[in-house]
Amino acid sequence: ISTTKNNTLKKLLFLFSALLIVSCSPIVNQQLFSADINPKQTVKQLYGEPTDISISGGVETWVYDYKKSLKSNRVIVFDNNGKIIKHEKELKDLTWILKNTFIYGGGIILGTVLFLSLIIPQI
C-alpha cells in the first residue's frame, strides 16, 4: 500500500508541477486579432478610441494611456495593410500585484493542500 501511495504522490506532484510551469510561462510573440477581417475595428470595440495615433515609417501606432489604476496601458502597431504586427500590454503596479498574487499564491496553496492530503493519513 505504501508503494502505491508513493507512486500516486509522485504522479500528482509531477502533474501539479507541470501545470504550474505551463500556467506561469508567458506567451511570447502572440499575435492578437491578426486573423480578423478588420483588426482596427476589433481593437476599437475591445479598448475604445486610442489616446494617441501616430504614423511613421509606414506603420500606424495606437497608444492607450489609461489614467485609471486598474486598466493596463497598451501599444498596438499596424502595418500598411492594417494587420497587427505588435501588441504590447503594460500592467499597472496594482494589476500586476493582483495577477501574480492569484496565480502564484493560488498555485502554492493548491499544491500545499494536495501535498498534505496525500501525506497525512486519512482518519
PDB file of N, CA and C in Angstrom:
ATOM      1  N   ILE A   1       0.827  -1.187   0.000  1.00  0.00           N
ATOM      2  CA  ILE A   1       0.000   0.000   0.000  1.00  0.00           C
ATOM      3  C   ILE A   1       0.871   1.251   0.000  1.00  0.00           C
ATOM      4  N   SER A   2       1.987   1.206   0.704  1.00  0.00           N
ATOM      5  CA  SER A   2       2.874   2.360   0.793  1.00  0.00           C
ATOM      6  C   SER A   2       3.466   2.714  -0.571  1.00  0.00           C
ATOM      7  N   THR A   3       3.837   1.703  -1.353  1.00  0.00           N
ATOM      8  CA  THR A   3       4.399   1.935  -2.685  1.00  0.00           C
ATOM      9  C   THR A   3       3.361   2.575  -3.597  1.00  0.00           C
ATOM     10  N   THR A   4       2.123   2.116  -3.519  1.00  0.00           N
ATOM     11  CA  THR A   4       1.049   2.688  -4.330  1.00  0.00           C
ATOM     12  C   THR A   4       0.816   4.146  -3.969  1.00  0.00           C
ATOM     13  N   LYS A   5       0.856   4.432  -2.674  1.00  0.00           N
ATOM     14  CA  LYS A   5       0.652   5.808  -2.218  1.00  0.00           C
ATOM     15  C   LYS A   5       1.798   6.703  -2.690  1.00  0.00           C
ATOM     16  N   ASN A   6       3.039   6.188  -2.644  1.00  0.00           N
ATOM     17  CA  ASN A   6       4.187   6.967  -3.105  1.00  0.00           C
ATOM     18  C   ASN A   6       4.101   7.231  -4.603  1.00  0.00           C
ATOM     19  N   ASN A   7       3.689   6.228  -5.375  1.00  0.00           N
ATOM     20  CA  ASN A   7       3.555   6.416  -6.821  1.00  0.00           C
ATOM     21  C   ASN A   7       2.469   7.438  -7.145  1.00  0.00           C
ATOM     22  N   THR A   8       1.356   7.370  -6.409  1.00  0.00           N
ATOM     23  CA  THR A   8       0.276   8.340  -6.610  1.00  0.00           C
ATOM     24  C   THR A   8       0.751   9.740  -6.252  1.00  0.00           C
ATOM     25  N   LEU A   9       1.477   9.850  -5.170  1.00  0.00           N
ATOM     26  CA  LEU A   9       2.017  11.137  -4.740  1.00  0.00           C
ATOM     27  C   LEU A   9       2.968  11.701  -5.793  1.00  0.00           C
ATOM     28  N   LYS A  10       3.846  10.851  -6.315  1.00  0.00           N
ATOM     29  CA  LYS A  10       4.794  11.306  -7.342  1.00  0.00           C
ATOM     30  C   LYS A  10       4.064  11.766  -8.595  1.00  0.00           C
ATOM     31  N   LYS A  11       3.034  11.026  -9.005  1.00  0.00           N
ATOM     32  CA  LYS A  11       2.279  11.398 -10.202  1.00  0.00           C
ATOM     33  C   LYS A  11       1.561  12.725 -10.007  1.00  0.00           C
ATOM     34  N   LEU A  12       0.937  12.914  -8.836  1.00  0.00           N
ATOM     35  CA  LEU A  12       0.234  14.169  -8.575  1.00  0.00           C
ATOM     36  C   LEU A  12       1.187  15.358  -8.487  1.00  0.00           C
ATOM     37  N   LEU A  13       2.324  15.157  -7.853  1.00  0.00           N
ATOM     38  CA  LEU A  13       3.301  16.245  -7.763  1.00  0.00           C
ATOM     39  C   LEU A  13       3.859  16.599  -9.139  1.00  0.00           C
ATOM     40  N   PHE A  14       4.100  15.589  -9.968  1.00  0.00           N
ATOM     41  CA  PHE A  14       4.584  15.841 -11.324  1.00  0.00           C
ATOM     42  C   PHE A  14       3.530  16.596 -12.129  1.00  0.00           C
ATOM     43  N   LEU A  15       2.271  16.139 -12.045  1.00  0.00           N
ATOM     44  CA  LEU A  15       1.186  16.796 -12.764  1.00  0.00           C
ATOM     45  C   LEU A  15       1.011  18.237 -12.292  1.00  0.00           C
ATOM     46  N   PHE A  16       1.023  18.441 -10.989  1.00  0.00           N
ATOM     47  CA  PHE A  16       0.882  19.779 -10.434  1.00  0.00           C
ATOM     48  C   PHE A  16       2.038  20.683 -10.881  1.00  0.00           C
ATOM     49  N   SER A  17       3.257  20.155 -10.835  1.00  0.00           N
ATOM     50  CA  SER A  17       4.428  20.946 -11.252  1.00  0.00           C
ATOM     51  C   SER A  17       4.337  21.320 -12.723  1.00  0.00           C
ATOM     52  N   ALA A  18       3.942  20.360 -13.547  1.00  0.00           N
ATOM     53  CA  ALA A  18       3.821  20.634 -14.979  1.00  0.00           C
ATOM     54  C   ALA A  18       2.761  21.697 -15.238  1.00  0.00           C
ATOM     55  N   LEU A  19       1.606  21.588 -14.576  1.00  0.00           N
ATOM     56  CA  LEU A  19       0.552  22.583 -14.754  1.00  0.00           C
ATOM     57  C   LEU A  19       0.983  23.960 -14.256  1.00  0.00           C
ATOM     58  N   LEU A  20       1.706  24.000 -13.157  1.00  0.00           N
ATOM     59  CA  LEU A  20       2.178  25.273 -12.613  1.00  0.00           C
ATOM     60  C   LEU A  20       3.166  25.942 -13.565  1.00  0.00           C
ATOM     61  N   ILE A  21       4.081  25.166 -14.119  1.00  0.00           N
ATOM     62  CA  ILE A  21       5.075  25.727 -15.045  1.00  0.00           C
ATOM     63  C   ILE A  21       4.398  26.239 -16.305  1.00  0.00           C
ATOM     64  N   VAL A  22       3.470  25.455 -16.861  1.00  0.00           N
ATOM     65  CA  VAL A  22       2.789  25.866 -18.084  1.00  0.00           C
ATOM     66  C   VAL A  22       1.922  27.098 -17.846  1.00  0.00           C
ATOM     67  N   SER A  23       1.222  27.141 -16.714  1.00  0.00           N
ATOM     68  CA  SER A  23       0.334  28.269 -16.458  1.00  0.00           C
ATOM     69  C   SER A  23       1.097  29.554 -16.153  1.00  0.00           C
ATOM     70  N   CYS A  24       2.316  29.453 -15.686  1.00  0.00           N
ATOM     71  CA  CYS A  24       3.085  30.640 -15.327  1.00  0.00           C
ATOM     72  C   CYS A  24       4.009  31.118 -16.444  1.00  0.00           C
ATOM     73  N   SER A  25       4.147  30.332 -17.497  1.00  0.00           N
ATOM     74  CA  SER A  25       5.050  30.746 -18.562  1.00  0.00           C
ATOM     75  C   SER A  25       4.360  31.774 -19.456  1.00  0.00           C
ATOM     76  N   PRO A  26       5.061  32.822 -19.831  1.00  0.00           N
ATOM     77  CA  PRO A  26       4.452  33.849 -20.679  1.00  0.00           C
ATOM     78  C   PRO A  26       4.324  33.373 -22.117  1.00  0.00           C
ATOM     79  N   ILE A  27       3.335  33.895 -22.792  1.00  0.00           N
ATOM     80  CA  ILE A  27       3.162  33.595 -24.210  1.00  0.00           C
ATOM     81  C   ILE A  27       3.920  34.662 -24.977  1.00  0.00           C
ATOM     82  N   VAL A  28       4.935  34.244 -25.714  1.00  0.00           N
ATOM     83  CA  VAL A  28       5.823  35.177 -26.388  1.00  0.00           C
ATOM     84  C   VAL A  28       5.367  35.374 -27.824  1.00  0.00           C
ATOM     85  N   ASN A  29       5.352  36.615 -28.247  1.00  0.00           N
ATOM     86  CA  ASN A  29       5.033  36.991 -29.625  1.00  0.00           C
ATOM     87  C   ASN A  29       3.678  36.485 -30.079  1.00  0.00           C
ATOM     88  N   GLN A  30       2.695  36.505 -29.222  1.00  0.00           N
ATOM     89  CA  GLN A  30       1.361  36.078 -29.606  1.00  0.00           C
ATOM     90  C   GLN A  30       0.697  37.196 -30.389  1.00  0.00           C
ATOM     91  N   GLN A  31       0.243  36.896 -31.592  1.00  0.00           N
ATOM     92  CA  GLN A  31      -0.433  37.881 -32.419  1.00  0.00           C
ATOM     93  C   GLN A  31      -1.919  37.851 -32.095  1.00  0.00           C
ATOM     94  N   LEU A  32      -2.428  38.948 -31.558  1.00  0.00           N
ATOM     95  CA  LEU A  32      -3.836  39.032 -31.250  1.00  0.00           C
ATOM     96  C   LEU A  32      -4.586  39.687 -32.393  1.00  0.00           C
ATOM     97  N   PHE A  33      -5.740  39.175 -32.719  1.00  0.00           N
ATOM     98  CA  PHE A  33      -6.655  39.722 -33.711  1.00  0.00           C
ATOM     99  C   PHE A  33      -6.117  39.664 -35.126  1.00  0.00           C
ATOM    100  N   SER A  34      -4.979  39.015 -35.405  1.00  0.00           N
ATOM    101  CA  SER A  34      -4.398  39.063 -36.738  1.00  0.00           C
ATOM    102  C   SER A  34      -5.243  38.336 -37.773  1.00  0.00           C
ATOM    103  N   ALA A  35      -6.097  37.402 -37.360  1.00  0.00           N
ATOM    104  CA  ALA A  35      -6.927  36.669 -38.313  1.00  0.00           C
ATOM    105  C   ALA A  35      -8.239  37.398 -38.599  1.00  0.00           C
ATOM    106  N   ASP A  36      -8.527  38.453 -37.867  1.00  0.00           N
ATOM    107  CA  ASP A  36      -9.771  39.180 -38.078  1.00  0.00           C
ATOM    108  C   ASP A  36      -9.758  39.916 -39.407  1.00  0.00           C
ATOM    109  N   ILE A  37     -10.950  40.107 -39.958  1.00  0.00           N
ATOM    110  CA  ILE A  37     -11.075  40.832 -41.222  1.00  0.00           C
ATOM    111  C   ILE A  37     -10.672  42.284 -41.034  1.00  0.00           C
ATOM    112  N   ASN A  38     -11.097  42.897 -39.935  1.00  0.00           N
ATOM    113  CA  ASN A  38     -10.762  44.285 -39.663  1.00  0.00           C
ATOM    114  C   ASN A  38     -10.236  44.410 -38.234  1.00  0.00           C
ATOM    115  N   PRO A  39      -8.933  44.191 -38.040  1.00  0.00           N
ATOM    116  CA  PRO A  39      -8.371  44.250 -36.689  1.00  0.00           C
ATOM    117  C   PRO A  39      -8.552  45.599 -36.006  1.00  0.00           C
ATOM    118  N   LYS A  40      -8.509  46.696 -36.760  1.00  0.00           N
ATOM    119  CA  LYS A  40      -8.654  48.022 -36.154  1.00  0.00           C
ATOM    120  C   LYS A  40     -10.029  48.176 -35.520  1.00  0.00           C
ATOM    121  N   GLN A  41     -11.056  47.697 -36.201  1.00  0.00           N
ATOM    122  CA  GLN A  41     -12.406  47.780 -35.662  1.00  0.00           C
ATOM    123  C   GLN A  41     -12.537  46.915 -34.409  1.00  0.00           C
ATOM    124  N   THR A  42     -11.935  45.731 -34.429  1.00  0.00           N
ATOM    125  CA  THR A  42     -11.972  44.838 -33.273  1.00  0.00           C
ATOM    126  C   THR A  42     -11.266  45.473 -32.079  1.00  0.00           C
ATOM    127  N   VAL A  43     -10.121  46.098 -32.325  1.00  0.00           N
ATOM    128  CA  VAL A  43      -9.369  46.750 -31.251  1.00  0.00           C
ATOM    129  C   VAL A  43     -10.196  47.882 -30.657  1.00  0.00           C
ATOM    130  N   LYS A  44     -10.848  48.671 -31.503  1.00  0.00           N
ATOM    131  CA  LYS A  44     -11.680  49.772 -31.006  1.00  0.00           C
ATOM    132  C   LYS A  44     -12.855  49.255 -30.177  1.00  0.00           C
ATOM    133  N   GLN A  45     -13.429  48.130 -30.599  1.00  0.00           N
ATOM    134  CA  GLN A  45     -14.546  47.560 -29.834  1.00  0.00           C
ATOM    135  C   GLN A  45     -14.075  47.083 -28.458  1.00  0.00           C
ATOM    136  N   LEU A  46     -12.873  46.527 -28.398  1.00  0.00           N
ATOM    137  CA  LEU A  46     -12.367  46.000 -27.135  1.00  0.00           C
ATOM    138  C   LEU A  46     -11.836  47.087 -26.200  1.00  0.00           C
ATOM    139  N   TYR A  47     -11.113  48.047 -26.745  1.00  0.00           N
ATOM    140  CA  TYR A  47     -10.397  49.006 -25.898  1.00  0.00           C
ATOM    141  C   TYR A  47     -10.860  50.453 -26.062  1.00  0.00           C
ATOM    142  N   GLY A  48     -11.753  50.719 -26.998  1.00  0.00           N
ATOM    143  CA  GLY A  48     -12.223  52.083 -27.228  1.00  0.00           C
ATOM    144  C   GLY A  48     -11.275  52.847 -28.144  1.00  0.00           C
ATOM    145  N   GLU A  49     -11.475  54.141 -28.192  1.00  0.00           N
ATOM    146  CA  GLU A  49     -10.633  55.001 -29.030  1.00  0.00           C
ATOM    147  C   GLU A  49      -9.247  55.137 -28.401  1.00  0.00           C
ATOM    148  N   PRO A  50      -8.195  55.080 -29.209  1.00  0.00           N
ATOM    149  CA  PRO A  50      -6.848  55.233 -28.657  1.00  0.00           C
ATOM    150  C   PRO A  50      -6.600  56.650 -28.162  1.00  0.00           C
ATOM    151  N   THR A  51      -5.709  56.770 -27.181  1.00  0.00           N
ATOM    152  CA  THR A  51      -5.325  58.068 -26.644  1.00  0.00           C
ATOM    153  C   THR A  51      -4.518  58.854 -27.669  1.00  0.00           C
ATOM    154  N   ASP A  52      -3.665  58.132 -28.425  1.00  0.00           N
ATOM    155  CA  ASP A  52      -2.793  58.786 -29.398  1.00  0.00           C
ATOM    156  C   ASP A  52      -2.607  57.868 -30.599  1.00  0.00           C
ATOM    157  N   ILE A  53      -2.627  58.442 -31.794  1.00  0.00           N
ATOM    158  CA  ILE A  53      -2.356  57.699 -33.025  1.00  0.00           C
ATOM    159  C   ILE A  53      -1.225  58.410 -33.750  1.00  0.00           C
ATOM    160  N   SER A  54      -0.178  57.643 -34.106  1.00  0.00           N
ATOM    161  CA  SER A  54       0.920  58.234 -34.870  1.00  0.00           C
ATOM    162  C   SER A  54       1.257  57.320 -36.046  1.00  0.00           C
ATOM    163  N   ILE A  55       1.665  57.948 -37.149  1.00  0.00           N
ATOM    164  CA  ILE A  55       2.044  57.202 -38.349  1.00  0.00           C
ATOM    165  C   ILE A  55       3.465  57.601 -38.700  1.00  0.00           C
ATOM    166  N   SER A  56       4.328  56.573 -38.801  1.00  0.00           N
ATOM    167  CA  SER A  56       5.716  56.850 -39.150  1.00  0.00           C
ATOM    168  C   SER A  56       6.348  55.599 -39.722  1.00  0.00           C
ATOM    169  N   GLY A  57       7.110  55.760 -40.764  1.00  0.00           N
ATOM    170  CA  GLY A  57       7.820  54.634 -41.377  1.00  0.00           C
ATOM    171  C   GLY A  57       6.894  53.568 -41.936  1.00  0.00           C
ATOM    172  N   GLY A  58       5.703  53.961 -42.367  1.00  0.00           N
ATOM    173  CA  GLY A  58       4.780  53.003 -42.952  1.00  0.00           C
ATOM    174  C   GLY A  58       3.980  52.185 -41.945  1.00  0.00           C
ATOM    175  N   VAL A  59       4.119  52.490 -40.663  1.00  0.00           N
ATOM    176  CA  VAL A  59       3.339  51.783 -39.652  1.00  0.00           C
ATOM    177  C   VAL A  59       2.507  52.789 -38.857  1.00  0.00           C
ATOM    178  N   GLU A  60       1.361  52.331 -38.394  1.00  0.00           N
ATOM    179  CA  GLU A  60       0.457  53.160 -37.595  1.00  0.00           C
ATOM    180  C   GLU A  60       0.473  52.630 -36.168  1.00  0.00           C
ATOM    181  N   THR A  61       0.728  53.504 -35.214  1.00  0.00           N
ATOM    182  CA  THR A  61       0.836  53.115 -33.809  1.00  0.00           C
ATOM    183  C   THR A  61      -0.313  53.732 -33.019  1.00  0.00           C
ATOM    184  N   TRP A  62      -1.048  52.862 -32.322  1.00  0.00           N
ATOM    185  CA  TRP A  62      -2.114  53.308 -31.444  1.00  0.00           C
ATOM    186  C   TRP A  62      -1.643  53.144 -30.009  1.00  0.00           C
ATOM    187  N   VAL A  63      -1.773  54.211 -29.232  1.00  0.00           N
ATOM    188  CA  VAL A  63      -1.360  54.179 -27.829  1.00  0.00           C
ATOM    189  C   VAL A  63      -2.595  54.349 -26.957  1.00  0.00           C
ATOM    190  N   TYR A  64      -2.739  53.456 -25.996  1.00  0.00           N
ATOM    191  CA  TYR A  64      -3.806  53.554 -24.999  1.00  0.00           C
ATOM    192  C   TYR A  64      -3.131  53.856 -23.670  1.00  0.00           C
ATOM    193  N   ASP A  65      -3.265  55.098 -23.216  1.00  0.00           N
ATOM    194  CA  ASP A  65      -2.643  55.533 -21.964  1.00  0.00           C
ATOM    195  C   ASP A  65      -3.751  55.820 -20.960  1.00  0.00           C
ATOM    196  N   TYR A  66      -4.077  54.806 -20.186  1.00  0.00           N
ATOM    197  CA  TYR A  66      -5.170  54.927 -19.224  1.00  0.00           C
ATOM    198  C   TYR A  66      -4.676  55.573 -17.936  1.00  0.00           C
ATOM    199  N   LYS A  67      -5.470  56.457 -17.390  1.00  0.00           N
ATOM    200  CA  LYS A  67      -5.119  57.121 -16.136  1.00  0.00           C
ATOM    201  C   LYS A  67      -5.609  56.325 -14.929  1.00  0.00           C
ATOM    202  N   LYS A  68      -6.546  55.397 -15.169  1.00  0.00           N
ATOM    203  CA  LYS A  68      -7.086  54.594 -14.076  1.00  0.00           C
ATOM    204  C   LYS A  68      -6.024  53.619 -13.574  1.00  0.00           C
ATOM    205  N   SER A  69      -6.125  53.267 -12.298  1.00  0.00           N
ATOM    206  CA  SER A  69      -5.091  52.424 -11.706  1.00  0.00           C
ATOM    207  C   SER A  69      -5.193  50.961 -12.115  1.00  0.00           C
ATOM    208  N   LEU A  70      -6.381  50.456 -12.471  1.00  0.00           N
ATOM    209  CA  LEU A  70      -6.515  49.036 -12.784  1.00  0.00           C
ATOM    210  C   LEU A  70      -6.442  48.715 -14.270  1.00  0.00           C
ATOM    211  N   LYS A  71      -6.677  49.694 -15.135  1.00  0.00           N
ATOM    212  CA  LYS A  71      -6.613  49.426 -16.571  1.00  0.00           C
ATOM    213  C   LYS A  71      -5.178  49.508 -17.053  1.00  0.00           C
ATOM    214  N   SER A  72      -4.775  48.525 -17.837  1.00  0.00           N
ATOM    215  CA  SER A  72      -3.397  48.453 -18.316  1.00  0.00           C
ATOM    216  C   SER A  72      -3.215  49.290 -19.576  1.00  0.00           C
ATOM    217  N   ASN A  73      -2.080  49.972 -19.657  1.00  0.00           N
ATOM    218  CA  ASN A  73      -1.729  50.708 -20.867  1.00  0.00           C
ATOM    219  C   ASN A  73      -1.326  49.710 -21.942  1.00  0.00           C
ATOM    220  N   ARG A  74      -1.516  50.099 -23.191  1.00  0.00           N
ATOM    221  CA  ARG A  74      -1.102  49.218 -24.281  1.00  0.00           C
ATOM    222  C   ARG A  74      -0.685  50.025 -25.498  1.00  0.00           C
ATOM    223  N   VAL A  75       0.138  49.379 -26.325  1.00  0.00           N
ATOM    224  CA  VAL A  75       0.583  49.953 -27.597  1.00  0.00           C
ATOM    225  C   VAL A  75       0.322  48.906 -28.664  1.00  0.00           C
ATOM    226  N   ILE A  76      -0.392  49.316 -29.722  1.00  0.00           N
ATOM    227  CA  ILE A  76      -0.711  48.403 -30.823  1.00  0.00           C
ATOM    228  C   ILE A  76      -0.182  49.033 -32.105  1.00  0.00           C
ATOM    229  N   VAL A  77       0.591  48.257 -32.866  1.00  0.00           N
ATOM    230  CA  VAL A  77       1.199  48.751 -34.104  1.00  0.00           C
ATOM    231  C   VAL A  77       0.624  47.958 -35.281  1.00  0.00           C
ATOM    232  N   PHE A  78       0.154  48.708 -36.292  1.00  0.00           N
ATOM    233  CA  PHE A  78      -0.411  48.114 -37.511  1.00  0.00           C
ATOM    234  C   PHE A  78       0.533  48.345 -38.682  1.00  0.00           C
ATOM    235  N   ASP A  79       0.581  47.388 -39.611  1.00  0.00           N
ATOM    236  CA  ASP A  79       1.359  47.597 -40.836  1.00  0.00           C
ATOM    237  C   ASP A  79       0.502  48.336 -41.866  1.00  0.00           C
ATOM    238  N   ASN A  80       1.003  48.472 -43.106  1.00  0.00           N
ATOM    239  CA  ASN A  80       0.286  49.197 -44.164  1.00  0.00           C
ATOM    240  C   ASN A  80      -1.063  48.573 -44.499  1.00  0.00           C
ATOM    241  N   ASN A  81      -1.187  47.253 -44.315  1.00  0.00           N
ATOM    242  CA  ASN A  81      -2.429  46.548 -44.641  1.00  0.00           C
ATOM    243  C   ASN A  81      -3.416  46.515 -43.476  1.00  0.00           C
ATOM    244  N   GLY A  82      -3.077  47.129 -42.368  1.00  0.00           N
ATOM    245  CA  GLY A  82      -3.956  47.139 -41.206  1.00  0.00           C
ATOM    246  C   GLY A  82      -3.819  45.916 -40.320  1.00  0.00           C
ATOM    247  N   LYS A  83      -2.823  45.086 -40.579  1.00  0.00           N
ATOM    248  CA  LYS A  83      -2.588  43.891 -39.761  1.00  0.00           C
ATOM    249  C   LYS A  83      -1.757  44.271 -38.532  1.00  0.00           C
ATOM    250  N   ILE A  84      -2.089  43.662 -37.401  1.00  0.00           N
ATOM    251  CA  ILE A  84      -1.358  43.944 -36.171  1.00  0.00           C
ATOM    252  C   ILE A  84       0.007  43.266 -36.235  1.00  0.00           C
ATOM    253  N   ILE A  85       1.064  44.062 -36.077  1.00  0.00           N
ATOM    254  CA  ILE A  85       2.415  43.493 -36.077  1.00  0.00           C
ATOM    255  C   ILE A  85       3.049  43.539 -34.689  1.00  0.00           C
ATOM    256  N   LYS A  86       2.429  44.304 -33.773  1.00  0.00           N
ATOM    257  CA  LYS A  86       2.948  44.380 -32.411  1.00  0.00           C
ATOM    258  C   LYS A  86       1.813  44.779 -31.481  1.00  0.00           C
ATOM    259  N   HIS A  87       1.723  44.081 -30.353  1.00  0.00           N
ATOM    260  CA  HIS A  87       0.697  44.401 -29.353  1.00  0.00           C
ATOM    261  C   HIS A  87       1.333  44.206 -27.983  1.00  0.00           C
ATOM    262  N   GLU A  88       1.627  45.299 -27.319  1.00  0.00           N
ATOM    263  CA  GLU A  88       2.253  45.241 -26.001  1.00  0.00           C
ATOM    264  C   GLU A  88       1.294  45.768 -24.947  1.00  0.00           C
ATOM    265  N   LYS A  89       1.279  45.084 -23.829  1.00  0.00           N
ATOM    266  CA  LYS A  89       0.426  45.482 -22.711  1.00  0.00           C
ATOM    267  C   LYS A  89       1.321  45.736 -21.509  1.00  0.00           C
ATOM    268  N   GLU A  90       1.167  46.898 -20.904  1.00  0.00           N
ATOM    269  CA  GLU A  90       1.960  47.255 -19.730  1.00  0.00           C
ATOM    270  C   GLU A  90       1.038  47.247 -18.516  1.00  0.00           C
ATOM    271  N   LEU A  91       1.266  46.293 -17.623  1.00  0.00           N
ATOM    272  CA  LEU A  91       0.427  46.197 -16.433  1.00  0.00           C
ATOM    273  C   LEU A  91       0.779  47.296 -15.444  1.00  0.00           C
ATOM    274  N   LYS A  92      -0.243  47.892 -14.866  1.00  0.00           N
ATOM    275  CA  LYS A  92      -0.020  48.858 -13.789  1.00  0.00           C
ATOM    276  C   LYS A  92       0.431  48.091 -12.554  1.00  0.00           C
ATOM    277  N   ASP A  93       1.019  48.786 -11.603  1.00  0.00           N
ATOM    278  CA  ASP A  93       1.557  48.124 -10.410  1.00  0.00           C
ATOM    279  C   ASP A  93       0.509  47.302  -9.675  1.00  0.00           C
ATOM    280  N   LEU A  94      -0.656  47.885  -9.420  1.00  0.00           N
ATOM    281  CA  LEU A  94      -1.688  47.180  -8.667  1.00  0.00           C
ATOM    282  C   LEU A  94      -2.203  45.960  -9.438  1.00  0.00           C
ATOM    283  N   THR A  95      -2.417  46.105 -10.732  1.00  0.00           N
ATOM    284  CA  THR A  95      -2.883  44.987 -11.556  1.00  0.00           C
ATOM    285  C   THR A  95      -1.854  43.870 -11.560  1.00  0.00           C
ATOM    286  N   TRP A  96      -0.581  44.213 -11.686  1.00  0.00           N
ATOM    287  CA  TRP A  96       0.490  43.216 -11.702  1.00  0.00           C
ATOM    288  C   TRP A  96       0.530  42.464 -10.372  1.00  0.00           C
ATOM    289  N   ILE A  97       0.403  43.187  -9.276  1.00  0.00           N
ATOM    290  CA  ILE A  97       0.430  42.559  -7.946  1.00  0.00           C
ATOM    291  C   ILE A  97      -0.750  41.604  -7.787  1.00  0.00           C
ATOM    292  N   LEU A  98      -1.948  42.056  -8.155  1.00  0.00           N
ATOM    293  CA  LEU A  98      -3.132  41.200  -8.030  1.00  0.00           C
ATOM    294  C   LEU A  98      -3.022  39.953  -8.892  1.00  0.00           C
ATOM    295  N   LYS A  99      -2.585  40.123 -10.133  1.00  0.00           N
ATOM    296  CA  LYS A  99      -2.467  38.984 -11.058  1.00  0.00           C
ATOM    297  C   LYS A  99      -1.500  37.948 -10.500  1.00  0.00           C
ATOM    298  N   ASN A 100      -0.322  38.377 -10.109  1.00  0.00           N
ATOM    299  CA  ASN A 100       0.679  37.434  -9.625  1.00  0.00           C
ATOM    300  C   ASN A 100       0.316  36.834  -8.267  1.00  0.00           C
ATOM    301  N   THR A 101      -0.387  37.582  -7.441  1.00  0.00           N
ATOM    302  CA  THR A 101      -0.834  37.043  -6.157  1.00  0.00           C
ATOM    303  C   THR A 101      -1.795  35.887  -6.379  1.00  0.00           C
ATOM    304  N   PHE A 102      -2.742  36.063  -7.295  1.00  0.00           N
ATOM    305  CA  PHE A 102      -3.710  34.999  -7.555  1.00  0.00           C
ATOM    306  C   PHE A 102      -3.063  33.794  -8.224  1.00  0.00           C
ATOM    307  N   ILE A 103      -2.193  34.020  -9.196  1.00  0.00           N
ATOM    308  CA  ILE A 103      -1.584  32.897  -9.918  1.00  0.00           C
ATOM    309  C   ILE A 103      -0.634  32.125  -9.012  1.00  0.00           C
ATOM    310  N   TYR A 104       0.361  32.796  -8.477  1.00  0.00           N
ATOM    311  CA  TYR A 104       1.372  32.095  -7.689  1.00  0.00           C
ATOM    312  C   TYR A 104       0.845  31.701  -6.310  1.00  0.00           C
ATOM    313  N   GLY A 105       0.107  32.589  -5.664  1.00  0.00           N
ATOM    314  CA  GLY A 105      -0.443  32.272  -4.353  1.00  0.00           C
ATOM    315  C   GLY A 105      -1.421  31.115  -4.426  1.00  0.00           C
ATOM    316  N   GLY A 106      -2.297  31.139  -5.432  1.00  0.00           N
ATOM    317  CA  GLY A 106      -3.251  30.038  -5.612  1.00  0.00           C
ATOM    318  C   GLY A 106      -2.549  28.729  -5.898  1.00  0.00           C
ATOM    319  N   GLY A 107      -1.507  28.787  -6.712  1.00  0.00           N
ATOM    320  CA  GLY A 107      -0.745  27.569  -7.024  1.00  0.00           C
ATOM    321  C   GLY A 107      -0.050  27.003  -5.797  1.00  0.00           C
ATOM    322  N   ILE A 108       0.525  27.863  -4.997  1.00  0.00           N
ATOM    323  CA  ILE A 108       1.218  27.407  -3.782  1.00  0.00           C
ATOM    324  C   ILE A 108       0.219  26.804  -2.792  1.00  0.00           C
ATOM    325  N   ILE A 109      -0.921  27.460  -2.607  1.00  0.00           N
ATOM    326  CA  ILE A 109      -1.925  26.940  -1.675  1.00  0.00           C
ATOM    327  C   ILE A 109      -2.482  25.611  -2.163  1.00  0.00           C
ATOM    328  N   LEU A 110      -2.816  25.528  -3.449  1.00  0.00           N
ATOM    329  CA  LEU A 110      -3.344  24.285  -4.005  1.00  0.00           C
ATOM    330  C   LEU A 110      -2.323  23.158  -3.902  1.00  0.00           C
ATOM    331  N   GLY A 111      -1.079  23.443  -4.217  1.00  0.00           N
ATOM    332  CA  GLY A 111      -0.033  22.432  -4.113  1.00  0.00           C
ATOM    333  C   GLY A 111       0.165  21.960  -2.686  1.00  0.00           C
ATOM    334  N   THR A 112       0.132  22.887  -1.745  1.00  0.00           N
ATOM    335  CA  THR A 112       0.292  22.520  -0.339  1.00  0.00           C
ATOM    336  C   THR A 112      -0.857  21.645   0.130  1.00  0.00           C
ATOM    337  N   VAL A 113      -2.079  22.009  -0.241  1.00  0.00           N
ATOM    338  CA  VAL A 113      -3.246  21.213   0.153  1.00  0.00           C
ATOM    339  C   VAL A 113      -3.167  19.818  -0.440  1.00  0.00           C
ATOM    340  N   LEU A 114      -2.814  19.711  -1.726  1.00  0.00           N
ATOM    341  CA  LEU A 114      -2.680  18.387  -2.349  1.00  0.00           C
ATOM    342  C   LEU A 114      -1.586  17.572  -1.683  1.00  0.00           C
ATOM    343  N   PHE A 115      -0.464  18.209  -1.443  1.00  0.00           N
ATOM    344  CA  PHE A 115       0.665  17.520  -0.825  1.00  0.00           C
ATOM    345  C   PHE A 115       0.301  17.015   0.564  1.00  0.00           C
ATOM    346  N   LEU A 116      -0.303  17.876   1.383  1.00  0.00           N
ATOM    347  CA  LEU A 116      -0.660  17.490   2.740  1.00  0.00           C
ATOM    348  C   LEU A 116      -1.760  16.432   2.768  1.00  0.00           C
ATOM    349  N   SER A 117      -2.678  16.497   1.819  1.00  0.00           N
ATOM    350  CA  SER A 117      -3.753  15.496   1.805  1.00  0.00           C
ATOM    351  C   SER A 117      -3.227  14.114   1.465  1.00  0.00           C
ATOM    352  N   LEU A 118      -2.122  14.033   0.774  1.00  0.00           N
ATOM    353  CA  LEU A 118      -1.544  12.733   0.441  1.00  0.00           C
ATOM    354  C   LEU A 118      -0.599  12.234   1.524  1.00  0.00           C
ATOM    355  N   ILE A 119       0.023  13.150   2.251  1.00  0.00           N
ATOM    356  CA  ILE A 119       0.984  12.747   3.288  1.00  0.00           C
ATOM    357  C   ILE A 119       0.280  12.378   4.589  1.00  0.00           C
ATOM    358  N   ILE A 120      -0.691  13.191   4.990  1.00  0.00           N
ATOM    359  CA  ILE A 120      -1.394  12.939   6.248  1.00  0.00           C
ATOM    360  C   ILE A 120      -2.328  11.755   6.058  1.00  0.00           C
ATOM    361  N   PRO A 121      -2.218  10.754   6.886  1.00  0.00           N
ATOM    362  CA  PRO A 121      -3.076   9.574   6.722  1.00  0.00           C
ATOM    363  C   PRO A 121      -4.550   9.942   6.939  1.00  0.00           C
ATOM    364  N   GLN A 122      -5.379   9.303   6.144  1.00  0.00           N
ATOM    365  CA  GLN A 122      -6.826   9.513   6.270  1.00  0.00           C
ATOM    366  C   GLN A 122      -7.324   8.877   7.553  1.00  0.00           C
ATOM    367  N   ILE A 123      -8.093   9.615   8.319  1.00  0.00           N
ATOM    368  CA  ILE A 123      -8.609   9.086   9.593  1.00  0.00           C
ATOM    369  C   ILE A 123     -10.061   8.714   9.431  1.00  0.00           C
TER     370      ILE A 123
END
